[in-house]
Amino acid sequence: MERQLFEWENWDEVDVAFLQFYQCKLIVDIGPYKKGDMLSCIAINYQDGVLEVYSDDGEAIYRQKLILSLGETVKI
């Protein structure tokens, strides 16, 4: 799912459903950030449905709820 939102250089698995991505380049607008913007860190907590953006010094600076939706049926 995150590949629909941004590209990244590295990532860490914080917990089973909680991932942090580093050196992120947005491929869509997210809140006040625009397509093409570079962000230091984006964390996604899939269990709680939350996306957070972090500053260079590790401070959470933006938070948004994530909503899972189904797309088109894929042929097996």
PDB file of N, CA and C in Angstrom:
ATOM      1  N   MET A   1       0.809  -1.209   0.000  1.00  0.00           N
ATOM      2  CA  MET A   1       0.000   0.000   0.000  1.00  0.00           C
ATOM      3  C   MET A   1       0.845   1.263   0.000  1.00  0.00           C
ATOM      4  N   GLU A   2       1.946   1.247   0.753  1.00  0.00           N
ATOM      5  CA  GLU A   2       2.775   2.450   0.821  1.00  0.00           C
ATOM      6  C   GLU A   2       3.378   2.811  -0.533  1.00  0.00           C
ATOM      7  N   ARG A   3       3.540   1.840  -1.422  1.00  0.00           N
ATOM      8  CA  ARG A   3       4.084   2.108  -2.755  1.00  0.00           C
ATOM      9  C   ARG A   3       3.147   3.003  -3.582  1.00  0.00           C
ATOM     10  N   GLN A   4       1.903   3.095  -3.182  1.00  0.00           N
ATOM     11  CA  GLN A   4       0.947   3.982  -3.848  1.00  0.00           C
ATOM     12  C   GLN A   4       1.098   5.428  -3.369  1.00  0.00           C
ATOM     13  N   LEU A   5       1.831   5.619  -2.272  1.00  0.00           N
ATOM     14  CA  LEU A   5       1.953   6.938  -1.654  1.00  0.00           C
ATOM     15  C   LEU A   5       3.323   7.579  -1.829  1.00  0.00           C
ATOM     16  N   PHE A   6       4.388   6.777  -1.710  1.00  0.00           N
ATOM     17  CA  PHE A   6       5.742   7.331  -1.738  1.00  0.00           C
ATOM     18  C   PHE A   6       6.773   6.254  -2.079  1.00  0.00           C
ATOM     19  N   GLU A   7       7.952   6.735  -2.476  1.00  0.00           N
ATOM     20  CA  GLU A   7       9.129   5.882  -2.685  1.00  0.00           C
ATOM     21  C   GLU A   7      10.054   6.126  -1.503  1.00  0.00           C
ATOM     22  N   TRP A   8      10.953   5.195  -1.179  1.00  0.00           N
ATOM     23  CA  TRP A   8      11.836   5.347  -0.034  1.00  0.00           C
ATOM     24  C   TRP A   8      13.181   4.689  -0.288  1.00  0.00           C
ATOM     25  N   GLU A   9      14.169   5.125   0.502  1.00  0.00           N
ATOM     26  CA  GLU A   9      15.533   4.586   0.409  1.00  0.00           C
ATOM     27  C   GLU A   9      15.703   3.362   1.309  1.00  0.00           C
ATOM     28  N   ASN A  10      15.243   3.465   2.572  1.00  0.00           N
ATOM     29  CA  ASN A  10      15.396   2.398   3.566  1.00  0.00           C
ATOM     30  C   ASN A  10      14.140   2.300   4.406  1.00  0.00           C
ATOM     31  N   TRP A  11      14.020   1.202   5.155  1.00  0.00           N
ATOM     32  CA  TRP A  11      12.878   1.040   6.040  1.00  0.00           C
ATOM     33  C   TRP A  11      13.250   0.139   7.207  1.00  0.00           C
ATOM     34  N   ASP A  12      12.490   0.243   8.292  1.00  0.00           N
ATOM     35  CA  ASP A  12      12.635  -0.609   9.478  1.00  0.00           C
ATOM     36  C   ASP A  12      11.274  -1.130   9.876  1.00  0.00           C
ATOM     37  N   GLU A  13      11.250  -2.360  10.365  1.00  0.00           N
ATOM     38  CA  GLU A  13      10.026  -2.930  10.933  1.00  0.00           C
ATOM     39  C   GLU A  13      10.073  -2.681  12.435  1.00  0.00           C
ATOM     40  N   VAL A  14       9.255  -1.751  12.905  1.00  0.00           N
ATOM     41  CA  VAL A  14       9.206  -1.415  14.324  1.00  0.00           C
ATOM     42  C   VAL A  14       8.448  -2.499  15.086  1.00  0.00           C
ATOM     43  N   ASP A  15       7.384  -2.984  14.488  1.00  0.00           N
ATOM     44  CA  ASP A  15       6.555  -4.047  15.060  1.00  0.00           C
ATOM     45  C   ASP A  15       5.906  -4.771  13.883  1.00  0.00           C
ATOM     46  N   VAL A  16       5.115  -5.776  14.162  1.00  0.00           N
ATOM     47  CA  VAL A  16       4.523  -6.586  13.100  1.00  0.00           C
ATOM     48  C   VAL A  16       3.766  -5.747  12.072  1.00  0.00           C
ATOM     49  N   ALA A  17       3.006  -4.785  12.501  1.00  0.00           N
ATOM     50  CA  ALA A  17       2.208  -3.972  11.576  1.00  0.00           C
ATOM     51  C   ALA A  17       2.577  -2.494  11.668  1.00  0.00           C
ATOM     52  N   PHE A  18       3.847  -2.210  12.008  1.00  0.00           N
ATOM     53  CA  PHE A  18       4.304  -0.834  12.179  1.00  0.00           C
ATOM     54  C   PHE A  18       5.660  -0.686  11.492  1.00  0.00           C
ATOM     55  N   LEU A  19       5.684   0.057  10.388  1.00  0.00           N
ATOM     56  CA  LEU A  19       6.893   0.224   9.585  1.00  0.00           C
ATOM     57  C   LEU A  19       7.296   1.692   9.524  1.00  0.00           C
ATOM     58  N   GLN A  20       8.621   1.944   9.494  1.00  0.00           N
ATOM     59  CA  GLN A  20       9.149   3.290   9.302  1.00  0.00           C
ATOM     60  C   GLN A  20       9.951   3.309   8.011  1.00  0.00           C
ATOM     61  N   PHE A  21       9.736   4.336   7.197  1.00  0.00           N
ATOM     62  CA  PHE A  21      10.406   4.484   5.908  1.00  0.00           C
ATOM     63  C   PHE A  21      11.229   5.770   5.944  1.00  0.00           C
ATOM     64  N   TYR A  22      12.436   5.720   5.344  1.00  0.00           N
ATOM     65  CA  TYR A  22      13.362   6.845   5.416  1.00  0.00           C
ATOM     66  C   TYR A  22      13.680   7.393   4.030  1.00  0.00           C
ATOM     67  N   GLN A  23      13.947   8.710   3.990  1.00  0.00           N
ATOM     68  CA  GLN A  23      14.255   9.406   2.740  1.00  0.00           C
ATOM     69  C   GLN A  23      13.152   9.147   1.715  1.00  0.00           C
ATOM     70  N   CYS A  24      11.969   9.619   2.033  1.00  0.00           N
ATOM     71  CA  CYS A  24      10.763   9.346   1.255  1.00  0.00           C
ATOM     72  C   CYS A  24      10.491  10.460   0.243  1.00  0.00           C
ATOM     73  N   LYS A  25      10.118  10.050  -0.950  1.00  0.00           N
ATOM     74  CA  LYS A  25       9.701  10.998  -1.993  1.00  0.00           C
ATOM     75  C   LYS A  25       8.236  10.712  -2.308  1.00  0.00           C
ATOM     76  N   LEU A  26       7.388  11.714  -2.093  1.00  0.00           N
ATOM     77  CA  LEU A  26       5.955  11.528  -2.295  1.00  0.00           C
ATOM     78  C   LEU A  26       5.622  11.366  -3.782  1.00  0.00           C
ATOM     79  N   ILE A  27       4.708  10.441  -4.062  1.00  0.00           N
ATOM     80  CA  ILE A  27       4.205  10.288  -5.431  1.00  0.00           C
ATOM     81  C   ILE A  27       2.746  10.735  -5.515  1.00  0.00           C
ATOM     82  N   VAL A  28       2.198  11.142  -4.368  1.00  0.00           N
ATOM     83  CA  VAL A  28       0.872  11.779  -4.290  1.00  0.00           C
ATOM     84  C   VAL A  28       0.943  12.853  -3.200  1.00  0.00           C
ATOM     85  N   ASP A  29       0.002  13.769  -3.192  1.00  0.00           N
ATOM     86  CA  ASP A  29      -0.086  14.747  -2.108  1.00  0.00           C
ATOM     87  C   ASP A  29      -0.545  14.043  -0.839  1.00  0.00           C
ATOM     88  N   ILE A  30       0.060  14.409   0.284  1.00  0.00           N
ATOM     89  CA  ILE A  30      -0.361  13.911   1.601  1.00  0.00           C
ATOM     90  C   ILE A  30      -0.462  15.126   2.513  1.00  0.00           C
ATOM     91  N   GLY A  31      -1.685  15.461   2.915  1.00  0.00           N
ATOM     92  CA  GLY A  31      -1.892  16.624   3.776  1.00  0.00           C
ATOM     93  C   GLY A  31      -1.265  17.862   3.163  1.00  0.00           C
ATOM     94  N   PRO A  32      -0.403  18.564   3.926  1.00  0.00           N
ATOM     95  CA  PRO A  32       0.212  19.794   3.417  1.00  0.00           C
ATOM     96  C   PRO A  32       1.398  19.532   2.479  1.00  0.00           C
ATOM     97  N   TYR A  33       1.794  18.275   2.326  1.00  0.00           N
ATOM     98  CA  TYR A  33       2.960  17.917   1.518  1.00  0.00           C
ATOM     99  C   TYR A  33       2.527  17.565   0.102  1.00  0.00           C
ATOM    100  N   LYS A  34       3.335  17.942  -0.866  1.00  0.00           N
ATOM    101  CA  LYS A  34       2.969  17.793  -2.277  1.00  0.00           C
ATOM    102  C   LYS A  34       3.783  16.704  -2.966  1.00  0.00           C
ATOM    103  N   LYS A  35       3.218  16.165  -4.027  1.00  0.00           N
ATOM    104  CA  LYS A  35       3.904  15.184  -4.864  1.00  0.00           C
ATOM    105  C   LYS A  35       5.291  15.718  -5.206  1.00  0.00           C
ATOM    106  N   GLY A  36       6.323  14.874  -5.006  1.00  0.00           N
ATOM    107  CA  GLY A  36       7.696  15.263  -5.279  1.00  0.00           C
ATOM    108  C   GLY A  36       8.451  15.743  -4.049  1.00  0.00           C
ATOM    109  N   ASP A  37       7.727  16.108  -2.970  1.00  0.00           N
ATOM    110  CA  ASP A  37       8.394  16.528  -1.735  1.00  0.00           C
ATOM    111  C   ASP A  37       9.196  15.367  -1.148  1.00  0.00           C
ATOM    112  N   MET A  38      10.340  15.705  -0.555  1.00  0.00           N
ATOM    113  CA  MET A  38      11.167  14.729   0.150  1.00  0.00           C
ATOM    114  C   MET A  38      10.915  14.869   1.651  1.00  0.00           C
ATOM    115  N   LEU A  39      10.653  13.749   2.315  1.00  0.00           N
ATOM    116  CA  LEU A  39      10.416  13.736   3.752  1.00  0.00           C
ATOM    117  C   LEU A  39      11.414  12.782   4.409  1.00  0.00           C
ATOM    118  N   SER A  40      11.930  13.153   5.568  1.00  0.00           N
ATOM    119  CA  SER A  40      12.940  12.352   6.268  1.00  0.00           C
ATOM    120  C   SER A  40      12.425  10.979   6.659  1.00  0.00           C
ATOM    121  N   CYS A  41      11.226  10.946   7.238  1.00  0.00           N
ATOM    122  CA  CYS A  41      10.695   9.676   7.745  1.00  0.00           C
ATOM    123  C   CYS A  41       9.175   9.688   7.700  1.00  0.00           C
ATOM    124  N   ILE A  42       8.621   8.591   7.235  1.00  0.00           N
ATOM    125  CA  ILE A  42       7.185   8.361   7.299  1.00  0.00           C
ATOM    126  C   ILE A  42       6.981   7.029   8.009  1.00  0.00           C
ATOM    127  N   ALA A  43       6.163   7.033   9.048  1.00  0.00           N
ATOM    128  CA  ALA A  43       5.833   5.817   9.781  1.00  0.00           C
ATOM    129  C   ALA A  43       4.384   5.455   9.494  1.00  0.00           C
ATOM    130  N   ILE A  44       4.153   4.155   9.274  1.00  0.00           N
ATOM    131  CA  ILE A  44       2.796   3.679   9.050  1.00  0.00           C
ATOM    132  C   ILE A  44       2.490   2.576  10.056  1.00  0.00           C
ATOM    133  N   ASN A  45       1.447   2.802  10.838  1.00  0.00           N
ATOM    134  CA  ASN A  45       0.957   1.809  11.777  1.00  0.00           C
ATOM    135  C   ASN A  45      -0.316   1.231  11.164  1.00  0.00           C
ATOM    136  N   TYR A  46      -0.187   0.065  10.550  1.00  0.00           N
ATOM    137  CA  TYR A  46      -1.321  -0.541   9.852  1.00  0.00           C
ATOM    138  C   TYR A  46      -2.391  -1.028  10.819  1.00  0.00           C
ATOM    139  N   GLN A  47      -2.002  -1.456  11.999  1.00  0.00           N
ATOM    140  CA  GLN A  47      -2.979  -1.949  12.973  1.00  0.00           C
ATOM    141  C   GLN A  47      -3.920  -0.835  13.437  1.00  0.00           C
ATOM    142  N   ASP A  48      -3.361   0.354  13.692  1.00  0.00           N
ATOM    143  CA  ASP A  48      -4.169   1.491  14.146  1.00  0.00           C
ATOM    144  C   ASP A  48      -4.651   2.370  13.006  1.00  0.00           C
ATOM    145  N   GLY A  49      -4.133   2.123  11.783  1.00  0.00           N
ATOM    146  CA  GLY A  49      -4.541   2.923  10.627  1.00  0.00           C
ATOM    147  C   GLY A  49      -4.078   4.360  10.699  1.00  0.00           C
ATOM    148  N   VAL A  50      -2.774   4.561  10.997  1.00  0.00           N
ATOM    149  CA  VAL A  50      -2.231   5.906  11.149  1.00  0.00           C
ATOM    150  C   VAL A  50      -0.936   6.050  10.349  1.00  0.00           C
ATOM    151  N   LEU A  51      -0.800   7.182   9.655  1.00  0.00           N
ATOM    152  CA  LEU A  51       0.433   7.562   8.967  1.00  0.00           C
ATOM    153  C   LEU A  51       0.974   8.788   9.682  1.00  0.00           C
ATOM    154  N   GLU A  52       2.284   8.795  10.011  1.00  0.00           N
ATOM    155  CA  GLU A  52       2.912   9.935  10.657  1.00  0.00           C
ATOM    156  C   GLU A  52       4.144  10.361   9.868  1.00  0.00           C
ATOM    157  N   VAL A  53       4.353  11.668   9.778  1.00  0.00           N
ATOM    158  CA  VAL A  53       5.546  12.236   9.154  1.00  0.00           C
ATOM    159  C   VAL A  53       6.419  12.770  10.290  1.00  0.00           C
ATOM    160  N   TYR A  54       7.728  12.485  10.196  1.00  0.00           N
ATOM    161  CA  TYR A  54       8.678  12.922  11.223  1.00  0.00           C
ATOM    162  C   TYR A  54       9.691  13.891  10.636  1.00  0.00           C
ATOM    163  N   SER A  55      10.118  14.853  11.459  1.00  0.00           N
ATOM    164  CA  SER A  55      11.147  15.820  11.060  1.00  0.00           C
ATOM    165  C   SER A  55      12.518  15.146  11.096  1.00  0.00           C
ATOM    166  N   ASP A  56      13.538  15.873  10.651  1.00  0.00           N
ATOM    167  CA  ASP A  56      14.909  15.359  10.666  1.00  0.00           C
ATOM    168  C   ASP A  56      15.367  14.977  12.072  1.00  0.00           C
ATOM    169  N   ASP A  57      14.867  15.684  13.093  1.00  0.00           N
ATOM    170  CA  ASP A  57      15.272  15.383  14.467  1.00  0.00           C
ATOM    171  C   ASP A  57      14.316  14.425  15.177  1.00  0.00           C
ATOM    172  N   GLY A  58      13.471  13.720  14.435  1.00  0.00           N
ATOM    173  CA  GLY A  58      12.651  12.657  14.995  1.00  0.00           C
ATOM    174  C   GLY A  58      11.359  13.072  15.649  1.00  0.00           C
ATOM    175  N   GLU A  59      10.936  14.310  15.444  1.00  0.00           N
ATOM    176  CA  GLU A  59       9.688  14.788  16.037  1.00  0.00           C
ATOM    177  C   GLU A  59       8.526  14.565  15.066  1.00  0.00           C
ATOM    178  N   ALA A  60       7.417  14.006  15.561  1.00  0.00           N
ATOM    179  CA  ALA A  60       6.227  13.836  14.728  1.00  0.00           C
ATOM    180  C   ALA A  60       5.672  15.219  14.385  1.00  0.00           C
ATOM    181  N   ILE A  61       5.515  15.490  13.080  1.00  0.00           N
ATOM    182  CA  ILE A  61       5.056  16.819  12.654  1.00  0.00           C
ATOM    183  C   ILE A  61       3.738  16.784  11.886  1.00  0.00           C
ATOM    184  N   TYR A  62       3.263  15.582  11.548  1.00  0.00           N
ATOM    185  CA  TYR A  62       1.987  15.467  10.839  1.00  0.00           C
ATOM    186  C   TYR A  62       1.444  14.058  11.065  1.00  0.00           C
ATOM    187  N   ARG A  63       0.138  13.959  11.249  1.00  0.00           N
ATOM    188  CA  ARG A  63      -0.505  12.654  11.467  1.00  0.00           C
ATOM    189  C   ARG A  63      -1.812  12.615  10.689  1.00  0.00           C
ATOM    190  N   GLN A  64      -2.067  11.474  10.049  1.00  0.00           N
ATOM    191  CA  GLN A  64      -3.300  11.306   9.274  1.00  0.00           C
ATOM    192  C   GLN A  64      -3.784   9.870   9.411  1.00  0.00           C
ATOM    193  N   LYS A  65      -5.100   9.704   9.484  1.00  0.00           N
ATOM    194  CA  LYS A  65      -5.688   8.371   9.509  1.00  0.00           C
ATOM    195  C   LYS A  65      -5.563   7.730   8.134  1.00  0.00           C
ATOM    196  N   LEU A  66      -5.332   6.429   8.112  1.00  0.00           N
ATOM    197  CA  LEU A  66      -5.316   5.646   6.870  1.00  0.00           C
ATOM    198  C   LEU A  66      -6.585   4.828   6.804  1.00  0.00           C
ATOM    199  N   ILE A  67      -7.159   4.750   5.622  1.00  0.00           N
ATOM    200  CA  ILE A  67      -8.367   3.966   5.420  1.00  0.00           C
ATOM    201  C   ILE A  67      -8.097   2.962   4.311  1.00  0.00           C
ATOM    202  N   LEU A  68      -8.286   1.704   4.604  1.00  0.00           N
ATOM    203  CA  LEU A  68      -8.103   0.653   3.616  1.00  0.00           C
ATOM    204  C   LEU A  68      -9.356   0.540   2.763  1.00  0.00           C
ATOM    205  N   SER A  69      -9.171   0.501   1.451  1.00  0.00           N
ATOM    206  CA  SER A  69     -10.315   0.300   0.558  1.00  0.00           C
ATOM    207  C   SER A  69      -9.931  -0.735  -0.492  1.00  0.00           C
ATOM    208  N   LEU A  70     -10.906  -1.384  -1.038  1.00  0.00           N
ATOM    209  CA  LEU A  70     -10.681  -2.406  -2.052  1.00  0.00           C
ATOM    210  C   LEU A  70     -10.719  -1.784  -3.439  1.00  0.00           C
ATOM    211  N   GLY A  71      -9.823  -2.248  -4.296  1.00  0.00           N
ATOM    212  CA  GLY A  71      -9.790  -1.785  -5.677  1.00  0.00           C
ATOM    213  C   GLY A  71     -10.471  -2.792  -6.579  1.00  0.00           C
ATOM    214  N   GLU A  72     -10.018  -2.821  -7.827  1.00  0.00           N
ATOM    215  CA  GLU A  72     -10.594  -3.728  -8.821  1.00  0.00           C
ATOM    216  C   GLU A  72     -10.242  -5.172  -8.510  1.00  0.00           C
ATOM    217  N   THR A  73     -11.078  -6.075  -8.949  1.00  0.00           N
ATOM    218  CA  THR A  73     -10.813  -7.492  -8.826  1.00  0.00           C
ATOM    219  C   THR A  73      -9.621  -7.853  -9.727  1.00  0.00           C
ATOM    220  N   VAL A  74      -8.740  -8.714  -9.195  1.00  0.00           N
ATOM    221  CA  VAL A  74      -7.560  -9.151  -9.933  1.00  0.00           C
ATOM    222  C   VAL A  74      -7.767 -10.613 -10.346  1.00  0.00           C
ATOM    223  N   LYS A  75      -7.554 -10.903 -11.612  1.00  0.00           N
ATOM    224  CA  LYS A  75      -7.747 -12.254 -12.128  1.00  0.00           C
ATOM    225  C   LYS A  75      -6.692 -13.202 -11.539  1.00  0.00           C
ATOM    226  N   ILE A  76      -7.136 -14.358 -11.134  1.00  0.00           N
ATOM    227  CA  ILE A  76      -6.240 -15.372 -10.545  1.00  0.00           C
ATOM    228  C   ILE A  76      -5.651 -16.222 -11.639  1.00  0.00           C
TER     229      ILE A  76
END
